[in-house]
Amino acid sequence: MRYGYARVSTDHQDYTGQVAALKAAGCEKIVAEKITGASLDRRALVGLIARLAPGDHLIATRMDRLARSLRDLLNITAKIEEAGATFEILDSPLVNTSGPYGKFLRAILGAVGEFERSMILARTGEGRARAKLAGVRFGRKPSLTSDQQAYARKLRASGSSTVEIARLLGVSHSTISRSTSNDQ
């Protein structure tokens, strides 16, 4: 099945020209929506990609109608490929993943995506390391202050049950168990 996707950014724009070009390209079903490309909530596109089956072909008139950034393009391409489908951009003949150039394009896009992901991980790791050196604590805020933890340990040592202490401090008994364990 050949699907077409048309999109305009505002209600004042019209996708009639895109629909005509997609029909001329042999699209059997065309999905169109009026939503900014910067939005990640493009329901018509998401629904179209969800119903793609192996052998289907998705066509858009221009790259910016399908994706607004490299990351967006990589995500969309991955979803189309996972469905076993291919895609094509009418105004960019080399952006057609169904032939030999398509295999090359997928390899390049995959490599760029992998590189971009590794760079993000490296920058994130460096940022976390700097934050830790600066004393930033990661994770959830403790349920009990250090004074409350000391009080819970004192009560536990005097024979109070974890359930009683938890009720007194307004936390779960497992929080008290963790706070009063011997390895603290």
C-alpha atoms as a PDB file:
ATOM      1  CA  MET A   1       0.000   0.000   0.000  1.00  0.00           C
ATOM      2  CA  ARG A   2       1.240   3.489  -0.860  1.00  0.00           C
ATOM      3  CA  TYR A   3       0.384   6.027   1.840  1.00  0.00           C
ATOM      4  CA  GLY A   4       0.748   9.767   1.545  1.00  0.00           C
ATOM      5  CA  TYR A   5       1.297  12.227   4.374  1.00  0.00           C
ATOM      6  CA  ALA A   6       0.508  15.921   4.020  1.00  0.00           C
ATOM      7  CA  ARG A   7       0.901  18.535   6.732  1.00  0.00           C
ATOM      8  CA  VAL A   8       0.552  22.274   7.077  1.00  0.00           C
ATOM      9  CA  SER A   9       1.478  24.240  10.183  1.00  0.00           C
ATOM     10  CA  THR A  10      -1.527  26.541  10.641  1.00  0.00           C
ATOM     11  CA  ASP A  11      -5.239  26.623   9.976  1.00  0.00           C
ATOM     12  CA  HIS A  12      -4.644  29.442   7.459  1.00  0.00           C
ATOM     13  CA  GLN A  13      -2.563  27.181   5.222  1.00  0.00           C
ATOM     14  CA  ASP A  14      -3.910  24.637   2.755  1.00  0.00           C
ATOM     15  CA  TYR A  15      -2.504  21.197   1.914  1.00  0.00           C
ATOM     16  CA  THR A  16      -4.429  20.831  -1.369  1.00  0.00           C
ATOM     17  CA  GLY A  17      -1.221  21.068  -3.424  1.00  0.00           C
ATOM     18  CA  GLN A  18       0.470  18.396  -1.313  1.00  0.00           C
ATOM     19  CA  VAL A  19      -2.532  16.079  -1.647  1.00  0.00           C
ATOM     20  CA  ALA A  20      -2.554  16.540  -5.435  1.00  0.00           C
ATOM     21  CA  ALA A  21       1.180  15.716  -5.633  1.00  0.00           C
ATOM     22  CA  LEU A  22       0.706  12.640  -3.446  1.00  0.00           C
ATOM     23  CA  LYS A  23      -2.193  11.417  -5.625  1.00  0.00           C
ATOM     24  CA  ALA A  24      -0.029  11.947  -8.719  1.00  0.00           C
ATOM     25  CA  ALA A  25       2.679   9.837  -7.030  1.00  0.00           C
ATOM     26  CA  GLY A  26       0.207   6.963  -6.752  1.00  0.00           C
ATOM     27  CA  CYS A  27      -0.775   7.177  -3.114  1.00  0.00           C
ATOM     28  CA  GLU A  28      -3.794   5.003  -2.401  1.00  0.00           C
ATOM     29  CA  LYS A  29      -4.496   6.524   1.025  1.00  0.00           C
ATOM     30  CA  ILE A  30      -3.561  10.051   2.094  1.00  0.00           C
ATOM     31  CA  VAL A  31      -3.497  11.341   5.644  1.00  0.00           C
ATOM     32  CA  ALA A  32      -3.383  15.106   6.163  1.00  0.00           C
ATOM     33  CA  GLU A  33      -3.231  17.256   9.255  1.00  0.00           C
ATOM     34  CA  LYS A  34      -2.924  20.869  10.312  1.00  0.00           C
ATOM     35  CA  ILE A  35      -0.394  21.013  13.125  1.00  0.00           C
ATOM     36  CA  THR A  36       3.012  22.544  13.609  1.00  0.00           C
ATOM     37  CA  GLY A  37       5.881  20.233  12.760  1.00  0.00           C
ATOM     38  CA  ALA A  38       7.584  21.171  16.015  1.00  0.00           C
ATOM     39  CA  SER A  39       4.782  19.409  17.889  1.00  0.00           C
ATOM     40  CA  LEU A  40       5.518  15.839  18.902  1.00  0.00           C
ATOM     41  CA  ASP A  41       1.773  15.192  19.050  1.00  0.00           C
ATOM     42  CA  ARG A  42       1.169  14.718  15.332  1.00  0.00           C
ATOM     43  CA  ARG A  43      -1.603  12.164  15.803  1.00  0.00           C
ATOM     44  CA  ALA A  44      -2.286  11.596  12.113  1.00  0.00           C
ATOM     45  CA  LEU A  45       1.381  10.802  11.410  1.00  0.00           C
ATOM     46  CA  VAL A  46       1.688   8.588  14.490  1.00  0.00           C
ATOM     47  CA  GLY A  47      -1.488   6.721  13.502  1.00  0.00           C
ATOM     48  CA  LEU A  48      -0.292   6.326   9.923  1.00  0.00           C
ATOM     49  CA  ILE A  49       3.069   4.926  10.989  1.00  0.00           C
ATOM     50  CA  ALA A  50       1.310   2.582  13.449  1.00  0.00           C
ATOM     51  CA  ARG A  51      -0.713   0.979  10.652  1.00  0.00           C
ATOM     52  CA  LEU A  52       2.211   0.494   8.259  1.00  0.00           C
ATOM     53  CA  ALA A  53       2.837  -3.125   7.364  1.00  0.00           C
ATOM     54  CA  PRO A  54       5.783  -4.826   5.663  1.00  0.00           C
ATOM     55  CA  GLY A  55       5.987  -3.710   2.047  1.00  0.00           C
ATOM     56  CA  ASP A  56       4.059  -0.459   2.573  1.00  0.00           C
ATOM     57  CA  HIS A  57       5.506   2.802   1.284  1.00  0.00           C
ATOM     58  CA  LEU A  58       5.057   6.208   2.961  1.00  0.00           C
ATOM     59  CA  ILE A  59       5.417   9.317   0.800  1.00  0.00           C
ATOM     60  CA  ALA A  60       5.653  12.999   1.756  1.00  0.00           C
ATOM     61  CA  THR A  61       6.110  15.935  -0.608  1.00  0.00           C
ATOM     62  CA  ARG A  62       8.968  17.576   1.296  1.00  0.00           C
ATOM     63  CA  MET A  63      11.248  16.562   4.153  1.00  0.00           C
ATOM     64  CA  ASP A  64       9.977  19.355   6.414  1.00  0.00           C
ATOM     65  CA  ARG A  65       6.424  18.035   6.071  1.00  0.00           C
ATOM     66  CA  LEU A  66       7.532  14.715   7.605  1.00  0.00           C
ATOM     67  CA  ALA A  67      10.244  15.768  10.077  1.00  0.00           C
ATOM     68  CA  ARG A  68      11.431  19.047  11.553  1.00  0.00           C
ATOM     69  CA  SER A  69      14.832  17.977  12.859  1.00  0.00           C
ATOM     70  CA  LEU A  70      17.431  15.294  12.347  1.00  0.00           C
ATOM     71  CA  ARG A  71      16.367  13.604  15.572  1.00  0.00           C
ATOM     72  CA  ASP A  72      12.733  13.657  14.444  1.00  0.00           C
ATOM     73  CA  LEU A  73      13.697  12.211  11.058  1.00  0.00           C
ATOM     74  CA  LEU A  74      15.759   9.461  12.691  1.00  0.00           C
ATOM     75  CA  ASN A  75      12.918   8.534  15.026  1.00  0.00           C
ATOM     76  CA  ILE A  76      10.363   8.476  12.221  1.00  0.00           C
ATOM     77  CA  THR A  77      12.691   6.521   9.924  1.00  0.00           C
ATOM     78  CA  ALA A  78      13.311   3.946  12.657  1.00  0.00           C
ATOM     79  CA  LYS A  79       9.573   3.445  13.220  1.00  0.00           C
ATOM     80  CA  ILE A  80       8.904   3.079   9.504  1.00  0.00           C
ATOM     81  CA  GLU A  81      11.752   0.588   9.174  1.00  0.00           C
ATOM     82  CA  GLU A  82      10.551  -1.369  12.237  1.00  0.00           C
ATOM     83  CA  ALA A  83       7.215  -1.762  10.459  1.00  0.00           C
ATOM     84  CA  GLY A  84       9.008  -3.220   7.439  1.00  0.00           C
ATOM     85  CA  ALA A  85       7.948  -0.266   5.303  1.00  0.00           C
ATOM     86  CA  THR A  86       9.870   2.309   3.267  1.00  0.00           C
ATOM     87  CA  PHE A  87       9.480   6.046   2.734  1.00  0.00           C
ATOM     88  CA  GLU A  88      10.083   8.611   0.024  1.00  0.00           C
ATOM     89  CA  ILE A  89      10.301  12.388  -0.199  1.00  0.00           C
ATOM     90  CA  LEU A  90       9.021  13.636  -3.567  1.00  0.00           C
ATOM     91  CA  ASP A  91      11.154  16.778  -3.854  1.00  0.00           C
ATOM     92  CA  SER A  92      14.342  14.880  -2.859  1.00  0.00           C
ATOM     93  CA  PRO A  93      14.694  11.843  -5.133  1.00  0.00           C
ATOM     94  CA  LEU A  94      17.655  10.466  -3.158  1.00  0.00           C
ATOM     95  CA  VAL A  95      15.474  10.261  -0.046  1.00  0.00           C
ATOM     96  CA  ASN A  96      13.765   7.041  -1.050  1.00  0.00           C
ATOM     97  CA  THR A  97      14.526   4.106   1.205  1.00  0.00           C
ATOM     98  CA  SER A  98      13.180   1.433  -1.150  1.00  0.00           C
ATOM     99  CA  GLY A  99      16.195   1.036  -3.465  1.00  0.00           C
ATOM    100  CA  PRO A 100      19.993   0.816  -3.226  1.00  0.00           C
ATOM    101  CA  TYR A 101      20.276   4.508  -2.388  1.00  0.00           C
ATOM    102  CA  GLY A 102      17.704   3.867   0.297  1.00  0.00           C
ATOM    103  CA  LYS A 103      19.865   1.203   1.924  1.00  0.00           C
ATOM    104  CA  PHE A 104      22.778   3.628   1.812  1.00  0.00           C
ATOM    105  CA  LEU A 105      20.619   6.430   3.267  1.00  0.00           C
ATOM    106  CA  ARG A 106      19.386   4.180   6.093  1.00  0.00           C
ATOM    107  CA  ALA A 107      22.989   3.263   6.914  1.00  0.00           C
ATOM    108  CA  ILE A 108      24.029   6.930   6.962  1.00  0.00           C
ATOM    109  CA  LEU A 109      21.013   7.994   9.028  1.00  0.00           C
ATOM    110  CA  GLY A 110      21.615   5.122  11.428  1.00  0.00           C
ATOM    111  CA  ALA A 111      25.269   6.060  11.821  1.00  0.00           C
ATOM    112  CA  VAL A 112      24.386   9.724  12.391  1.00  0.00           C
ATOM    113  CA  GLY A 113      21.759   8.726  14.949  1.00  0.00           C
ATOM    114  CA  GLU A 114      24.170   6.439  16.775  1.00  0.00           C
ATOM    115  CA  PHE A 115      26.831   9.166  16.776  1.00  0.00           C
ATOM    116  CA  GLU A 116      24.341  11.752  18.042  1.00  0.00           C
ATOM    117  CA  ARG A 117      23.182   9.390  20.797  1.00  0.00           C
ATOM    118  CA  SER A 118      26.755   8.657  21.927  1.00  0.00           C
ATOM    119  CA  MET A 119      27.522  12.389  22.035  1.00  0.00           C
ATOM    120  CA  ILE A 120      24.428  13.022  24.150  1.00  0.00           C
ATOM    121  CA  LEU A 121      25.445  10.233  26.537  1.00  0.00           C
ATOM    122  CA  ALA A 122      28.971  11.624  26.812  1.00  0.00           C
ATOM    123  CA  ARG A 123      27.743  15.169  27.515  1.00  0.00           C
ATOM    124  CA  THR A 124      25.195  13.891  30.020  1.00  0.00           C
ATOM    125  CA  GLY A 125      27.836  11.796  31.801  1.00  0.00           C
ATOM    126  CA  GLU A 126      30.211  14.760  31.997  1.00  0.00           C
ATOM    127  CA  GLY A 127      27.436  16.963  33.359  1.00  0.00           C
ATOM    128  CA  ARG A 128      26.474  14.401  35.996  1.00  0.00           C
ATOM    129  CA  ALA A 129      30.112  14.029  37.063  1.00  0.00           C
ATOM    130  CA  ARG A 130      30.493  17.828  37.417  1.00  0.00           C
ATOM    131  CA  ALA A 131      27.252  17.994  39.389  1.00  0.00           C
ATOM    132  CA  LYS A 132      28.379  15.217  41.750  1.00  0.00           C
ATOM    133  CA  LEU A 133      31.673  17.030  42.339  1.00  0.00           C
ATOM    134  CA  ALA A 134      29.653  20.146  43.157  1.00  0.00           C
ATOM    135  CA  GLY A 135      27.729  18.178  45.781  1.00  0.00           C
ATOM    136  CA  VAL A 136      24.479  17.640  43.907  1.00  0.00           C
ATOM    137  CA  ARG A 137      22.625  14.539  45.089  1.00  0.00           C
ATOM    138  CA  PHE A 138      20.689  12.560  42.503  1.00  0.00           C
ATOM    139  CA  GLY A 139      17.549  10.578  43.053  1.00  0.00           C
ATOM    140  CA  ARG A 140      14.553  10.965  45.244  1.00  0.00           C
ATOM    141  CA  LYS A 141      14.589  13.196  48.293  1.00  0.00           C
ATOM    142  CA  PRO A 142      14.845  11.073  51.476  1.00  0.00           C
ATOM    143  CA  SER A 143      11.530  10.546  53.269  1.00  0.00           C
ATOM    144  CA  LEU A 144      13.155  11.154  56.653  1.00  0.00           C
ATOM    145  CA  THR A 145      15.574  13.812  57.772  1.00  0.00           C
ATOM    146  CA  SER A 146      18.790  12.708  59.456  1.00  0.00           C
ATOM    147  CA  ASP A 147      17.270  13.672  62.842  1.00  0.00           C
ATOM    148  CA  GLN A 148      14.195  11.551  62.124  1.00  0.00           C
ATOM    149  CA  GLN A 149      16.411   8.645  61.073  1.00  0.00           C
ATOM    150  CA  ALA A 150      18.377   8.920  64.332  1.00  0.00           C
ATOM    151  CA  TYR A 151      15.121   9.049  66.300  1.00  0.00           C
ATOM    152  CA  ALA A 152      13.814   5.972  64.442  1.00  0.00           C
ATOM    153  CA  ARG A 153      17.048   4.082  65.225  1.00  0.00           C
ATOM    154  CA  LYS A 154      16.743   5.051  68.891  1.00  0.00           C
ATOM    155  CA  LEU A 155      13.122   3.865  69.028  1.00  0.00           C
ATOM    156  CA  ARG A 156      14.027   0.642  67.235  1.00  0.00           C
ATOM    157  CA  ALA A 157      16.876  -0.024  69.668  1.00  0.00           C
ATOM    158  CA  SER A 158      14.451   0.462  72.570  1.00  0.00           C
ATOM    159  CA  GLY A 159      12.213  -2.291  71.168  1.00  0.00           C
ATOM    160  CA  SER A 160       9.550  -0.426  69.179  1.00  0.00           C
ATOM    161  CA  SER A 161       8.330  -2.211  66.053  1.00  0.00           C
ATOM    162  CA  THR A 162       8.926  -0.818  62.573  1.00  0.00           C
ATOM    163  CA  VAL A 163       5.157  -0.528  62.079  1.00  0.00           C
ATOM    164  CA  GLU A 164       4.784   1.582  65.253  1.00  0.00           C
ATOM    165  CA  ILE A 165       7.699   3.842  64.320  1.00  0.00           C
ATOM    166  CA  ALA A 166       6.401   4.201  60.760  1.00  0.00           C
ATOM    167  CA  ARG A 167       2.955   5.208  62.021  1.00  0.00           C
ATOM    168  CA  LEU A 168       4.543   7.737  64.396  1.00  0.00           C
ATOM    169  CA  LEU A 169       6.696   9.318  61.635  1.00  0.00           C
ATOM    170  CA  GLY A 170       4.103   9.036  58.845  1.00  0.00           C
ATOM    171  CA  VAL A 171       6.116   6.814  56.513  1.00  0.00           C
ATOM    172  CA  SER A 172       6.010   3.178  55.424  1.00  0.00           C
ATOM    173  CA  HIS A 173       7.470   0.399  57.557  1.00  0.00           C
ATOM    174  CA  SER A 174       9.967  -0.416  54.784  1.00  0.00           C
ATOM    175  CA  THR A 175      11.344   3.146  55.028  1.00  0.00           C
ATOM    176  CA  ILE A 176      11.911   2.554  58.737  1.00  0.00           C
ATOM    177  CA  SER A 177      13.522  -0.822  58.031  1.00  0.00           C
ATOM    178  CA  ARG A 178      15.970   0.780  55.593  1.00  0.00           C
ATOM    179  CA  SER A 179      16.674   3.681  57.964  1.00  0.00           C
ATOM    180  CA  THR A 180      17.330   1.484  60.994  1.00  0.00           C
ATOM    181  CA  SER A 181      19.333  -1.303  59.370  1.00  0.00           C
ATOM    182  CA  ASN A 182      22.797  -2.007  60.788  1.00  0.00           C
ATOM    183  CA  ASP A 183      24.680  -0.945  57.642  1.00  0.00           C
ATOM    184  CA  GLN A 184      23.740   2.742  58.118  1.00  0.00           C
END
